[in-house]
Amino acid sequence: MDMIKCGGCGREIDPVGMPDGARFLCTRCCHLHTKGPEPPHKLGYTAFTVIAYLCLAALALAGFTLCVLYVIGAGDLTWFVILSALMLCVAGCPAVILVRKRNLALLLAALYLPLGVWAHLWHRAPGVEWEYSAMTAYGGYFFLLIGAAALVAFISNSRALPRL
């Protein structure tokens, strides 16, 4: 039989009756698969997970550093708490998604949607008045656009593709 090992959760999937080249999702972790010969992956799943967690930790550290610098410079504790809580969501949501679901579109949506909201609120925070402040807002809108597109891709794949 032609069993496929899921790259997300590791379970064996039997794609009975599926033609070669057909795409499907793993029932357990929503990892996207294509039936047939898959190209060899240079980076294993464990290495991808470690790199993803390191990048999320670096993003969280940079964001929390900006929040601390904001409270030191502007002195507004309310906005510090709001921005810090949102930065916790920026780093925490993708980490939880990475543990439970192994779908890249869902991971991107979980990262970029809160990051876009954080960048927009950072632009709106009182006391943040630098020369390129509008670029931060445009970056937030761009992140929101990427996150929304990734969420639409995940939802359309979830509805259109079979789950095995």
Protein backbone atom coordinates (compact mmCIF):
# COMPACT_ATOMS: atom_id res chain seq x y z
CA MET A 1 0.00 0.00 0.00
CA ASP A 2 0.99 3.61 -0.52
CA MET A 3 0.87 5.02 2.99
CA ILE A 4 1.82 8.64 3.54
CA LYS A 5 3.43 9.78 6.77
CA CYS A 6 1.99 13.10 7.91
CA GLY A 7 4.65 15.78 8.16
CA GLY A 8 2.73 17.48 10.95
CA CYS A 9 1.67 14.82 13.43
CA GLY A 10 3.53 11.75 12.11
CA ARG A 11 0.54 9.44 11.72
CA GLU A 12 0.22 7.11 8.74
CA ILE A 13 -2.44 8.15 6.21
CA ASP A 14 -3.92 5.79 3.64
CA PRO A 15 -5.02 7.89 0.62
CA VAL A 16 -7.35 5.25 -0.84
CA GLY A 17 -9.10 6.27 -4.05
CA MET A 18 -7.27 9.58 -4.40
CA PRO A 19 -5.65 10.28 -7.79
CA ASP A 20 -1.98 11.27 -7.99
CA GLY A 21 -1.51 14.98 -7.47
CA ALA A 22 -4.69 15.34 -5.38
CA ARG A 23 -4.38 17.58 -2.34
CA PHE A 24 -5.85 16.76 1.07
CA LEU A 25 -5.56 17.76 4.71
CA CYS A 26 -4.61 15.60 7.67
CA THR A 27 -7.65 15.15 9.90
CA ARG A 28 -5.67 15.53 13.11
CA CYS A 29 -3.39 18.49 12.41
CA CYS A 30 -4.64 20.08 9.12
CA HIS A 31 -1.22 19.64 7.47
CA LEU A 32 -1.56 20.01 3.68
CA HIS A 33 -0.51 16.95 1.65
CA THR A 34 -0.31 16.05 -2.03
CA LYS A 35 -0.69 12.41 -3.08
CA GLY A 36 2.20 11.15 -5.12
CA PRO A 37 5.93 11.58 -4.97
CA GLU A 38 6.77 14.54 -2.79
CA PRO A 39 10.04 16.41 -3.21
CA PRO A 40 12.58 15.72 -0.48
CA HIS A 41 12.56 18.29 2.28
CA LYS A 42 15.91 19.81 3.16
CA LEU A 43 14.69 20.99 6.55
CA GLY A 44 13.02 18.44 8.81
CA TYR A 45 9.92 19.19 10.82
CA THR A 46 11.81 19.26 14.10
CA ALA A 47 14.29 21.79 12.75
CA PHE A 48 11.42 23.89 11.38
CA THR A 49 9.69 23.83 14.76
CA VAL A 50 12.85 24.84 16.62
CA ILE A 51 13.54 27.68 14.19
CA ALA A 52 9.92 28.84 14.37
CA TYR A 53 9.98 28.93 18.18
CA LEU A 54 13.30 30.79 18.18
CA CYS A 55 11.91 33.37 15.74
CA LEU A 56 8.76 33.77 17.86
CA ALA A 57 10.91 34.24 20.96
CA ALA A 58 13.01 36.87 19.18
CA LEU A 59 9.85 38.65 18.01
CA ALA A 60 8.41 38.59 21.53
CA LEU A 61 11.65 39.87 23.01
CA ALA A 62 11.84 42.72 20.49
CA GLY A 63 8.17 43.62 21.05
CA PHE A 64 8.40 43.58 24.82
CA THR A 65 11.59 45.66 24.61
CA LEU A 66 9.68 48.25 22.58
CA CYS A 67 6.89 48.20 25.16
CA VAL A 68 9.35 48.75 28.00
CA LEU A 69 11.04 51.57 26.08
CA TYR A 70 7.60 53.07 25.49
CA VAL A 71 6.70 53.12 29.18
CA ILE A 72 10.12 54.57 30.03
CA GLY A 73 9.83 57.29 27.39
CA ALA A 74 6.12 58.13 27.45
CA GLY A 75 5.28 57.05 31.00
CA ASP A 76 1.78 55.85 30.06
CA LEU A 77 1.19 52.63 32.01
CA THR A 78 -2.23 51.94 30.47
CA TRP A 79 -0.89 51.83 26.92
CA PHE A 80 2.07 49.78 28.13
CA VAL A 81 -0.29 47.13 29.51
CA ILE A 82 -2.38 47.14 26.30
CA LEU A 83 0.66 46.86 24.02
CA SER A 84 2.31 44.21 26.21
CA ALA A 85 -0.84 42.08 26.35
CA LEU A 86 -1.20 42.30 22.59
CA MET A 87 2.47 41.38 22.15
CA LEU A 88 1.80 38.33 24.31
CA CYS A 89 -0.95 37.41 21.83
CA VAL A 90 1.41 38.06 18.90
CA ALA A 91 3.89 35.50 20.24
CA GLY A 92 1.47 33.16 22.01
CA CYS A 93 -1.15 32.54 19.31
CA PRO A 94 1.30 31.18 16.71
CA ALA A 95 3.04 29.10 19.40
CA VAL A 96 -0.25 27.45 20.37
CA ILE A 97 -1.18 26.93 16.70
CA LEU A 98 2.26 25.41 16.04
CA VAL A 99 1.71 22.88 18.84
CA ARG A 100 -1.83 21.90 17.82
CA LYS A 101 -2.19 22.48 14.06
CA ARG A 102 0.57 22.16 11.51
CA ASN A 103 -0.98 24.24 8.72
CA LEU A 104 1.32 27.01 7.49
CA ALA A 105 -1.53 29.30 6.35
CA LEU A 106 -3.14 29.10 9.80
CA LEU A 107 0.24 29.76 11.43
CA LEU A 108 0.76 32.87 9.27
CA ALA A 109 -2.74 34.14 10.05
CA ALA A 110 -2.19 33.61 13.78
CA LEU A 111 1.03 35.61 13.58
CA TYR A 112 0.21 38.47 11.25
CA LEU A 113 -3.32 39.38 12.40
CA PRO A 114 -2.32 40.26 15.99
CA LEU A 115 0.96 41.76 14.77
CA GLY A 116 -0.98 44.09 12.47
CA VAL A 117 -3.24 45.18 15.31
CA TRP A 118 -0.19 45.70 17.56
CA ALA A 119 1.58 47.84 14.93
CA HIS A 120 -1.56 49.93 14.41
CA LEU A 121 -1.98 50.48 18.17
CA TRP A 122 1.72 51.27 18.47
CA HIS A 123 1.17 54.00 15.88
CA ARG A 124 -1.85 55.33 17.83
CA ALA A 125 -0.21 55.26 21.26
CA PRO A 126 0.21 58.71 22.79
CA GLY A 127 3.81 59.83 23.01
CA VAL A 128 4.98 57.92 19.92
CA GLU A 129 5.82 60.86 17.69
CA TRP A 130 8.70 60.12 15.45
CA GLU A 131 9.36 61.01 11.87
CA TYR A 132 8.20 57.74 10.28
CA SER A 133 5.20 57.02 12.49
CA ALA A 134 2.85 56.63 9.51
CA MET A 135 5.06 53.86 8.14
CA THR A 136 4.29 51.85 11.28
CA ALA A 137 0.57 52.17 10.60
CA TYR A 138 1.03 51.17 6.96
CA GLY A 139 3.09 48.20 8.10
CA GLY A 140 0.28 47.22 10.45
CA TYR A 141 -2.23 47.40 7.62
CA PHE A 142 0.10 45.30 5.46
CA PHE A 143 0.40 42.69 8.22
CA LEU A 144 -3.39 42.65 8.59
CA LEU A 145 -3.72 42.11 4.83
CA ILE A 146 -1.24 39.21 4.86
CA GLY A 147 -2.95 37.68 7.90
CA ALA A 148 -6.40 38.00 6.34
CA ALA A 149 -5.19 36.44 3.08
CA ALA A 150 -3.63 33.53 4.99
CA LEU A 151 -6.84 33.04 6.98
CA VAL A 152 -8.91 33.04 3.78
CA ALA A 153 -6.51 30.47 2.26
CA PHE A 154 -6.84 28.25 5.33
CA ILE A 155 -10.63 28.48 5.38
CA SER A 156 -10.92 27.79 1.66
CA ASN A 157 -8.58 24.79 1.97
CA SER A 158 -10.52 23.52 4.98
CA ARG A 159 -13.79 23.67 3.09
CA ALA A 160 -12.64 22.51 -0.33
CA LEU A 161 -10.11 19.77 0.43
CA PRO A 162 -10.95 16.34 1.83
CA ARG A 163 -9.56 15.26 5.19
CA LEU A 164 -7.96 11.88 5.54
